[in-house]
Amino acid sequence: SGPVTAGVLRGDKSRFQLFGDTMNTTSRIEQTGEAGRIHISADTAECLKACGEGGWLLKREEPVKAKGKGIIQTYWIRSSKRSSDEES
């Protein structure tokens, strides 16, 4: 979650592209993802918590080493929501 800039790149084939630090972070954590799992940043996890949807979050046990970012904490989205009394 965060700011991005969008634009259409022209050339042999025009395409829509997003730019910015948010996209760089996304690219870095994508490299450490797992098949069949949704991997999100701490900023996105905070947005979910602020909306009362923290039950969907599973904190990743090991922090991710992201090139140009250092060590960052990331989260997985659970396949089912935990009730509020189960949340850690």
PDB file of N, CA and C in Angstrom:
ATOM      1  N   SER A   1       0.845  -1.183   0.000  1.00  0.00           N
ATOM      2  CA  SER A   1       0.000   0.000   0.000  1.00  0.00           C
ATOM      3  C   SER A   1       0.881   1.233   0.000  1.00  0.00           C
ATOM      4  N   GLY A   2       0.544   2.184  -0.817  1.00  0.00           N
ATOM      5  CA  GLY A   2       1.308   3.411  -0.875  1.00  0.00           C
ATOM      6  C   GLY A   2       1.152   4.113  -2.202  1.00  0.00           C
ATOM      7  N   PRO A   3       1.838   5.243  -2.342  1.00  0.00           N
ATOM      8  CA  PRO A   3       1.693   6.036  -3.562  1.00  0.00           C
ATOM      9  C   PRO A   3       2.416   5.422  -4.759  1.00  0.00           C
ATOM     10  N   VAL A   4       1.817   5.588  -5.918  1.00  0.00           N
ATOM     11  CA  VAL A   4       2.429   5.175  -7.171  1.00  0.00           C
ATOM     12  C   VAL A   4       2.135   6.238  -8.226  1.00  0.00           C
ATOM     13  N   THR A   5       2.914   6.222  -9.271  1.00  0.00           N
ATOM     14  CA  THR A   5       2.664   7.052 -10.441  1.00  0.00           C
ATOM     15  C   THR A   5       2.378   6.108 -11.588  1.00  0.00           C
ATOM     16  N   ALA A   6       1.380   6.436 -12.392  1.00  0.00           N
ATOM     17  CA  ALA A   6       1.008   5.580 -13.511  1.00  0.00           C
ATOM     18  C   ALA A   6       1.233   6.307 -14.819  1.00  0.00           C
ATOM     19  N   GLY A   7       1.497   5.544 -15.852  1.00  0.00           N
ATOM     20  CA  GLY A   7       1.666   6.131 -17.169  1.00  0.00           C
ATOM     21  C   GLY A   7       1.601   5.084 -18.248  1.00  0.00           C
ATOM     22  N   VAL A   8       1.443   5.543 -19.463  1.00  0.00           N
ATOM     23  CA  VAL A   8       1.435   4.653 -20.616  1.00  0.00           C
ATOM     24  C   VAL A   8       2.777   4.815 -21.312  1.00  0.00           C
ATOM     25  N   LEU A   9       3.494   3.725 -21.453  1.00  0.00           N
ATOM     26  CA  LEU A   9       4.774   3.727 -22.149  1.00  0.00           C
ATOM     27  C   LEU A   9       4.529   3.403 -23.613  1.00  0.00           C
ATOM     28  N   ARG A  10       5.040   4.225 -24.456  1.00  0.00           N
ATOM     29  CA  ARG A  10       4.847   4.041 -25.898  1.00  0.00           C
ATOM     30  C   ARG A  10       6.102   3.425 -26.505  1.00  0.00           C
ATOM     31  N   GLY A  11       5.932   2.771 -27.578  1.00  0.00           N
ATOM     32  CA  GLY A  11       7.025   2.135 -28.294  1.00  0.00           C
ATOM     33  C   GLY A  11       6.427   1.193 -29.310  1.00  0.00           C
ATOM     34  N   ASP A  12       7.090   0.080 -29.559  1.00  0.00           N
ATOM     35  CA  ASP A  12       6.526  -0.919 -30.474  1.00  0.00           C
ATOM     36  C   ASP A  12       5.162  -1.398 -29.992  1.00  0.00           C
ATOM     37  N   LYS A  13       5.032  -1.481 -28.669  1.00  0.00           N
ATOM     38  CA  LYS A  13       3.774  -1.935 -28.071  1.00  0.00           C
ATOM     39  C   LYS A  13       3.500  -1.054 -26.854  1.00  0.00           C
ATOM     40  N   SER A  14       2.426  -0.265 -26.888  1.00  0.00           N
ATOM     41  CA  SER A  14       2.082   0.588 -25.750  1.00  0.00           C
ATOM     42  C   SER A  14       1.658  -0.279 -24.574  1.00  0.00           C
ATOM     43  N   ARG A  15       2.021   0.149 -23.369  1.00  0.00           N
ATOM     44  CA  ARG A  15       1.607  -0.591 -22.173  1.00  0.00           C
ATOM     45  C   ARG A  15       1.454   0.355 -20.993  1.00  0.00           C
ATOM     46  N   PHE A  16       0.572  -0.009 -20.090  1.00  0.00           N
ATOM     47  CA  PHE A  16       0.321   0.742 -18.866  1.00  0.00           C
ATOM     48  C   PHE A  16       1.335   0.284 -17.829  1.00  0.00           C
ATOM     49  N   GLN A  17       1.938   1.223 -17.102  1.00  0.00           N
ATOM     50  CA  GLN A  17       2.983   0.873 -16.138  1.00  0.00           C
ATOM     51  C   GLN A  17       2.791   1.677 -14.852  1.00  0.00           C
ATOM     52  N   LEU A  18       3.103   1.066 -13.718  1.00  0.00           N
ATOM     53  CA  LEU A  18       3.099   1.745 -12.421  1.00  0.00           C
ATOM     54  C   LEU A  18       4.538   1.925 -11.964  1.00  0.00           C
ATOM     55  N   PHE A  19       4.833   3.079 -11.336  1.00  0.00           N
ATOM     56  CA  PHE A  19       6.172   3.401 -10.872  1.00  0.00           C
ATOM     57  C   PHE A  19       6.117   3.883  -9.434  1.00  0.00           C
ATOM     58  N   GLY A  20       7.204   3.738  -8.700  1.00  0.00           N
ATOM     59  CA  GLY A  20       7.326   4.306  -7.369  1.00  0.00           C
ATOM     60  C   GLY A  20       7.873   3.316  -6.356  1.00  0.00           C
ATOM     61  N   ASP A  21       8.134   3.823  -5.159  1.00  0.00           N
ATOM     62  CA  ASP A  21       8.708   3.003  -4.098  1.00  0.00           C
ATOM     63  C   ASP A  21       7.799   1.829  -3.741  1.00  0.00           C
ATOM     64  N   THR A  22       6.495   2.040  -3.796  1.00  0.00           N
ATOM     65  CA  THR A  22       5.551   0.965  -3.497  1.00  0.00           C
ATOM     66  C   THR A  22       5.752  -0.203  -4.457  1.00  0.00           C
ATOM     67  N   MET A  23       5.961   0.107  -5.724  1.00  0.00           N
ATOM     68  CA  MET A  23       6.174  -0.949  -6.720  1.00  0.00           C
ATOM     69  C   MET A  23       7.528  -1.630  -6.516  1.00  0.00           C
ATOM     70  N   ASN A  24       8.536  -0.870  -6.097  1.00  0.00           N
ATOM     71  CA  ASN A  24       9.844  -1.468  -5.808  1.00  0.00           C
ATOM     72  C   ASN A  24       9.735  -2.453  -4.650  1.00  0.00           C
ATOM     73  N   THR A  25       9.023  -2.065  -3.594  1.00  0.00           N
ATOM     74  CA  THR A  25       8.826  -2.954  -2.443  1.00  0.00           C
ATOM     75  C   THR A  25       8.083  -4.211  -2.872  1.00  0.00           C
ATOM     76  N   THR A  26       7.048  -4.035  -3.677  1.00  0.00           N
ATOM     77  CA  THR A  26       6.269  -5.174  -4.174  1.00  0.00           C
ATOM     78  C   THR A  26       7.150  -6.153  -4.937  1.00  0.00           C
ATOM     79  N   SER A  27       7.987  -5.625  -5.784  1.00  0.00           N
ATOM     80  CA  SER A  27       8.897  -6.468  -6.563  1.00  0.00           C
ATOM     81  C   SER A  27       9.838  -7.246  -5.650  1.00  0.00           C
ATOM     82  N   ARG A  28      10.343  -6.594  -4.614  1.00  0.00           N
ATOM     83  CA  ARG A  28      11.287  -7.242  -3.702  1.00  0.00           C
ATOM     84  C   ARG A  28      10.628  -8.366  -2.906  1.00  0.00           C
ATOM     85  N   ILE A  29       9.416  -8.121  -2.384  1.00  0.00           N
ATOM     86  CA  ILE A  29       8.793  -9.180  -1.576  1.00  0.00           C
ATOM     87  C   ILE A  29       8.230 -10.297  -2.453  1.00  0.00           C
ATOM     88  N   GLU A  30       7.908  -9.987  -3.704  1.00  0.00           N
ATOM     89  CA  GLU A  30       7.431 -11.022  -4.620  1.00  0.00           C
ATOM     90  C   GLU A  30       8.493 -12.101  -4.803  1.00  0.00           C
ATOM     91  N   GLN A  31       9.745 -11.711  -4.787  1.00  0.00           N
ATOM     92  CA  GLN A  31      10.852 -12.642  -4.987  1.00  0.00           C
ATOM     93  C   GLN A  31      10.973 -13.654  -3.856  1.00  0.00           C
ATOM     94  N   THR A  32      10.373 -13.368  -2.709  1.00  0.00           N
ATOM     95  CA  THR A  32      10.461 -14.291  -1.567  1.00  0.00           C
ATOM     96  C   THR A  32       9.111 -14.941  -1.253  1.00  0.00           C
ATOM     97  N   GLY A  33       8.165 -14.812  -2.167  1.00  0.00           N
ATOM     98  CA  GLY A  33       6.837 -15.387  -1.962  1.00  0.00           C
ATOM     99  C   GLY A  33       6.829 -16.894  -2.131  1.00  0.00           C
ATOM    100  N   GLU A  34       5.660 -17.470  -1.917  1.00  0.00           N
ATOM    101  CA  GLU A  34       5.471 -18.914  -2.083  1.00  0.00           C
ATOM    102  C   GLU A  34       4.247 -19.137  -2.955  1.00  0.00           C
ATOM    103  N   ALA A  35       4.283 -20.174  -3.751  1.00  0.00           N
ATOM    104  CA  ALA A  35       3.156 -20.511  -4.625  1.00  0.00           C
ATOM    105  C   ALA A  35       1.880 -20.720  -3.804  1.00  0.00           C
ATOM    106  N   GLY A  36       0.793 -20.156  -4.258  1.00  0.00           N
ATOM    107  CA  GLY A  36      -0.499 -20.348  -3.601  1.00  0.00           C
ATOM    108  C   GLY A  36      -0.723 -19.491  -2.374  1.00  0.00           C
ATOM    109  N   ARG A  37       0.184 -18.553  -2.084  1.00  0.00           N
ATOM    110  CA  ARG A  37       0.050 -17.702  -0.906  1.00  0.00           C
ATOM    111  C   ARG A  37       0.070 -16.235  -1.315  1.00  0.00           C
ATOM    112  N   ILE A  38      -0.661 -15.418  -0.575  1.00  0.00           N
ATOM    113  CA  ILE A  38      -0.660 -13.976  -0.811  1.00  0.00           C
ATOM    114  C   ILE A  38       0.268 -13.343   0.202  1.00  0.00           C
ATOM    115  N   HIS A  39       1.271 -12.649  -0.299  1.00  0.00           N
ATOM    116  CA  HIS A  39       2.344 -12.063   0.500  1.00  0.00           C
ATOM    117  C   HIS A  39       2.155 -10.549   0.494  1.00  0.00           C
ATOM    118  N   ILE A  40       2.087  -9.911   1.666  1.00  0.00           N
ATOM    119  CA  ILE A  40       1.856  -8.467   1.711  1.00  0.00           C
ATOM    120  C   ILE A  40       2.885  -7.771   2.603  1.00  0.00           C
ATOM    121  N   SER A  41       3.010  -6.477   2.398  1.00  0.00           N
ATOM    122  CA  SER A  41       3.943  -5.658   3.180  1.00  0.00           C
ATOM    123  C   SER A  41       3.349  -5.322   4.543  1.00  0.00           C
ATOM    124  N   ALA A  42       4.199  -4.817   5.422  1.00  0.00           N
ATOM    125  CA  ALA A  42       3.742  -4.373   6.744  1.00  0.00           C
ATOM    126  C   ALA A  42       2.777  -3.198   6.614  1.00  0.00           C
ATOM    127  N   ASP A  43       2.998  -2.307   5.633  1.00  0.00           N
ATOM    128  CA  ASP A  43       2.085  -1.178   5.425  1.00  0.00           C
ATOM    129  C   ASP A  43       0.685  -1.649   5.067  1.00  0.00           C
ATOM    130  N   THR A  44       0.590  -2.646   4.193  1.00  0.00           N
ATOM    131  CA  THR A  44      -0.716  -3.193   3.822  1.00  0.00           C
ATOM    132  C   THR A  44      -1.351  -3.905   5.010  1.00  0.00           C
ATOM    133  N   ALA A  45      -0.544  -4.610   5.790  1.00  0.00           N
ATOM    134  CA  ALA A  45      -1.050  -5.282   6.993  1.00  0.00           C
ATOM    135  C   ALA A  45      -1.627  -4.257   7.965  1.00  0.00           C
ATOM    136  N   GLU A  46      -0.951  -3.111   8.125  1.00  0.00           N
ATOM    137  CA  GLU A  46      -1.450  -2.055   9.011  1.00  0.00           C
ATOM    138  C   GLU A  46      -2.786  -1.506   8.520  1.00  0.00           C
ATOM    139  N   CYS A  47      -2.938  -1.374   7.201  1.00  0.00           N
ATOM    140  CA  CYS A  47      -4.217  -0.919   6.642  1.00  0.00           C
ATOM    141  C   CYS A  47      -5.337  -1.898   6.988  1.00  0.00           C
ATOM    142  N   LEU A  48      -5.056  -3.193   6.870  1.00  0.00           N
ATOM    143  CA  LEU A  48      -6.059  -4.207   7.213  1.00  0.00           C
ATOM    144  C   LEU A  48      -6.404  -4.161   8.702  1.00  0.00           C
ATOM    145  N   LYS A  49      -5.386  -4.017   9.540  1.00  0.00           N
ATOM    146  CA  LYS A  49      -5.628  -3.929  10.984  1.00  0.00           C
ATOM    147  C   LYS A  49      -6.483  -2.719  11.317  1.00  0.00           C
ATOM    148  N   ALA A  50      -6.196  -1.574  10.686  1.00  0.00           N
ATOM    149  CA  ALA A  50      -6.941  -0.338  10.941  1.00  0.00           C
ATOM    150  C   ALA A  50      -8.406  -0.469  10.544  1.00  0.00           C
ATOM    151  N   CYS A  51      -8.694  -1.343   9.590  1.00  0.00           N
ATOM    152  CA  CYS A  51     -10.080  -1.575   9.143  1.00  0.00           C
ATOM    153  C   CYS A  51     -10.754  -2.697   9.929  1.00  0.00           C
ATOM    154  N   GLY A  52     -10.073  -3.203  10.951  1.00  0.00           N
ATOM    155  CA  GLY A  52     -10.640  -4.288  11.751  1.00  0.00           C
ATOM    156  C   GLY A  52     -10.549  -5.649  11.084  1.00  0.00           C
ATOM    157  N   GLU A  53      -9.657  -5.784  10.113  1.00  0.00           N
ATOM    158  CA  GLU A  53      -9.525  -7.042   9.375  1.00  0.00           C
ATOM    159  C   GLU A  53      -8.209  -7.756   9.669  1.00  0.00           C
ATOM    160  N   GLY A  54      -7.639  -7.519  10.845  1.00  0.00           N
ATOM    161  CA  GLY A  54      -6.371  -8.135  11.215  1.00  0.00           C
ATOM    162  C   GLY A  54      -6.430  -9.647  11.354  1.00  0.00           C
ATOM    163  N   GLY A  55      -7.621 -10.208  11.457  1.00  0.00           N
ATOM    164  CA  GLY A  55      -7.774 -11.652  11.572  1.00  0.00           C
ATOM    165  C   GLY A  55      -7.330 -12.416  10.333  1.00  0.00           C
ATOM    166  N   TRP A  56      -7.184 -11.704   9.220  1.00  0.00           N
ATOM    167  CA  TRP A  56      -6.722 -12.334   7.987  1.00  0.00           C
ATOM    168  C   TRP A  56      -5.208 -12.471   7.929  1.00  0.00           C
ATOM    169  N   LEU A  57      -4.514 -11.823   8.858  1.00  0.00           N
ATOM    170  CA  LEU A  57      -3.053 -11.734   8.778  1.00  0.00           C
ATOM    171  C   LEU A  57      -2.329 -12.856   9.511  1.00  0.00           C
ATOM    172  N   LEU A  58      -1.259 -13.293   8.917  1.00  0.00           N
ATOM    173  CA  LEU A  58      -0.343 -14.242   9.547  1.00  0.00           C
ATOM    174  C   LEU A  58       1.052 -13.649   9.375  1.00  0.00           C
ATOM    175  N   LYS A  59       1.659 -13.225  10.485  1.00  0.00           N
ATOM    176  CA  LYS A  59       2.990 -12.628  10.425  1.00  0.00           C
ATOM    177  C   LYS A  59       3.989 -13.679   9.946  1.00  0.00           C
ATOM    178  N   ARG A  60       4.753 -13.318   8.960  1.00  0.00           N
ATOM    179  CA  ARG A  60       5.766 -14.242   8.452  1.00  0.00           C
ATOM    180  C   ARG A  60       6.834 -14.425   9.521  1.00  0.00           C
ATOM    181  N   GLU A  61       7.201 -15.660   9.795  1.00  0.00           N
ATOM    182  CA  GLU A  61       8.145 -15.953  10.878  1.00  0.00           C
ATOM    183  C   GLU A  61       9.502 -15.307  10.657  1.00  0.00           C
ATOM    184  N   GLU A  62      10.025 -15.417   9.457  1.00  0.00           N
ATOM    185  CA  GLU A  62      11.340 -14.853   9.179  1.00  0.00           C
ATOM    186  C   GLU A  62      11.186 -13.559   8.383  1.00  0.00           C
ATOM    187  N   PRO A  63      11.854 -12.491   8.809  1.00  0.00           N
ATOM    188  CA  PRO A  63      11.812 -11.252   8.029  1.00  0.00           C
ATOM    189  C   PRO A  63      12.449 -11.472   6.658  1.00  0.00           C
ATOM    190  N   VAL A  64      12.093 -10.619   5.725  1.00  0.00           N
ATOM    191  CA  VAL A  64      12.588 -10.717   4.351  1.00  0.00           C
ATOM    192  C   VAL A  64      13.748  -9.746   4.161  1.00  0.00           C
ATOM    193  N   LYS A  65      14.828 -10.220   3.556  1.00  0.00           N
ATOM    194  CA  LYS A  65      15.932  -9.336   3.198  1.00  0.00           C
ATOM    195  C   LYS A  65      15.663  -8.854   1.776  1.00  0.00           C
ATOM    196  N   ALA A  66      15.347  -7.566   1.643  1.00  0.00           N
ATOM    197  CA  ALA A  66      14.971  -7.000   0.351  1.00  0.00           C
ATOM    198  C   ALA A  66      16.050  -6.052  -0.154  1.00  0.00           C
ATOM    199  N   LYS A  67      16.529  -6.305  -1.347  1.00  0.00           N
ATOM    200  CA  LYS A  67      17.571  -5.482  -1.958  1.00  0.00           C
ATOM    201  C   LYS A  67      17.136  -4.011  -1.973  1.00  0.00           C
ATOM    202  N   GLY A  68      17.994  -3.154  -1.449  1.00  0.00           N
ATOM    203  CA  GLY A  68      17.700  -1.727  -1.418  1.00  0.00           C
ATOM    204  C   GLY A  68      16.759  -1.303  -0.307  1.00  0.00           C
ATOM    205  N   LYS A  69      16.221  -2.265   0.450  1.00  0.00           N
ATOM    206  CA  LYS A  69      15.274  -1.989   1.523  1.00  0.00           C
ATOM    207  C   LYS A  69      15.786  -2.439   2.880  1.00  0.00           C
ATOM    208  N   GLY A  70      16.677  -3.419   2.879  1.00  0.00           N
ATOM    209  CA  GLY A  70      17.143  -3.998   4.136  1.00  0.00           C
ATOM    210  C   GLY A  70      16.213  -5.115   4.581  1.00  0.00           C
ATOM    211  N   ILE A  71      16.145  -5.301   5.879  1.00  0.00           N
ATOM    212  CA  ILE A  71      15.292  -6.348   6.458  1.00  0.00           C
ATOM    213  C   ILE A  71      13.898  -5.761   6.679  1.00  0.00           C
ATOM    214  N   ILE A  72      12.884  -6.413   6.129  1.00  0.00           N
ATOM    215  CA  ILE A  72      11.505  -5.944   6.311  1.00  0.00           C
ATOM    216  C   ILE A  72      10.619  -7.091   6.788  1.00  0.00           C
ATOM    217  N   GLN A  73       9.653  -6.747   7.616  1.00  0.00           N
ATOM    218  CA  GLN A  73       8.678  -7.732   8.093  1.00  0.00           C
ATOM    219  C   GLN A  73       7.532  -7.780   7.094  1.00  0.00           C
ATOM    220  N   THR A  74       7.125  -8.972   6.724  1.00  0.00           N
ATOM    221  CA  THR A  74       5.997  -9.132   5.815  1.00  0.00           C
ATOM    222  C   THR A  74       4.982 -10.084   6.427  1.00  0.00           C
ATOM    223  N   TYR A  75       3.852 -10.202   5.769  1.00  0.00           N
ATOM    224  CA  TYR A  75       2.740 -11.013   6.268  1.00  0.00           C
ATOM    225  C   TYR A  75       2.174 -11.862   5.142  1.00  0.00           C
ATOM    226  N   TRP A  76       1.521 -12.943   5.529  1.00  0.00           N
ATOM    227  CA  TRP A  76       0.732 -13.762   4.615  1.00  0.00           C
ATOM    228  C   TRP A  76      -0.730 -13.442   4.885  1.00  0.00           C
ATOM    229  N   ILE A  77      -1.569 -13.585   3.880  1.00  0.00           N
ATOM    230  CA  ILE A  77      -3.016 -13.517   4.074  1.00  0.00           C
ATOM    231  C   ILE A  77      -3.474 -14.951   4.335  1.00  0.00           C
ATOM    232  N   ARG A  78      -4.217 -15.133   5.418  1.00  0.00           N
ATOM    233  CA  ARG A  78      -4.735 -16.466   5.766  1.00  0.00           C
ATOM    234  C   ARG A  78      -5.835 -16.875   4.784  1.00  0.00           C
ATOM    235  N   SER A  79      -6.051 -18.170   4.657  1.00  0.00           N
ATOM    236  CA  SER A  79      -7.130 -18.654   3.792  1.00  0.00           C
ATOM    237  C   SER A  79      -8.495 -18.511   4.458  1.00  0.00           C
ATOM    238  N   SER A  80      -8.498 -18.331   5.777  1.00  0.00           N
ATOM    239  CA  SER A  80      -9.746 -18.054   6.490  1.00  0.00           C
ATOM    240  C   SER A  80      -9.446 -17.097   7.640  1.00  0.00           C
ATOM    241  N   LYS A  81     -10.409 -16.260   7.956  1.00  0.00           N
ATOM    242  CA  LYS A  81     -10.216 -15.237   8.975  1.00  0.00           C
ATOM    243  C   LYS A  81     -10.310 -15.839  10.364  1.00  0.00           C
ATOM    244  N   ARG A  82      -9.376 -15.424  11.244  1.00  0.00           N
ATOM    245  CA  ARG A  82      -9.426 -15.832  12.646  1.00  0.00           C
ATOM    246  C   ARG A  82     -10.374 -14.906  13.384  1.00  0.00           C
ATOM    247  N   SER A  83     -11.022 -15.416  14.401  1.00  0.00           N
ATOM    248  CA  SER A  83     -11.897 -14.562  15.204  1.00  0.00           C
ATOM    249  C   SER A  83     -11.043 -13.628  16.062  1.00  0.00           C
ATOM    250  N   SER A  84     -11.618 -12.546  16.567  1.00  0.00           N
ATOM    251  CA  SER A  84     -10.861 -11.544  17.289  1.00  0.00           C
ATOM    252  C   SER A  84     -10.221 -12.110  18.567  1.00  0.00           C
ATOM    253  N   ASP A  85     -10.815 -13.128  19.196  1.00  0.00           N
ATOM    254  CA  ASP A  85     -10.217 -13.686  20.404  1.00  0.00           C
ATOM    255  C   ASP A  85      -9.028 -14.603  20.083  1.00  0.00           C
ATOM    256  N   GLU A  86      -8.853 -14.980  18.816  1.00  0.00           N
ATOM    257  CA  GLU A  86      -7.703 -15.805  18.407  1.00  0.00           C
ATOM    258  C   GLU A  86      -6.522 -14.972  17.943  1.00  0.00           C
ATOM    259  N   GLU A  87      -6.766 -13.697  17.610  1.00  0.00           N
ATOM    260  CA  GLU A  87      -5.702 -12.868  17.046  1.00  0.00           C
ATOM    261  C   GLU A  87      -4.583 -12.676  18.055  1.00  0.00           C
ATOM    262  N   SER A  88      -3.332 -12.653  17.504  1.00  0.00           N
ATOM    263  CA  SER A  88      -2.172 -12.459  18.384  1.00  0.00           C
ATOM    264  C   SER A  88      -1.760 -11.014  18.420  1.00  0.00           C
TER     265      SER A  88
END
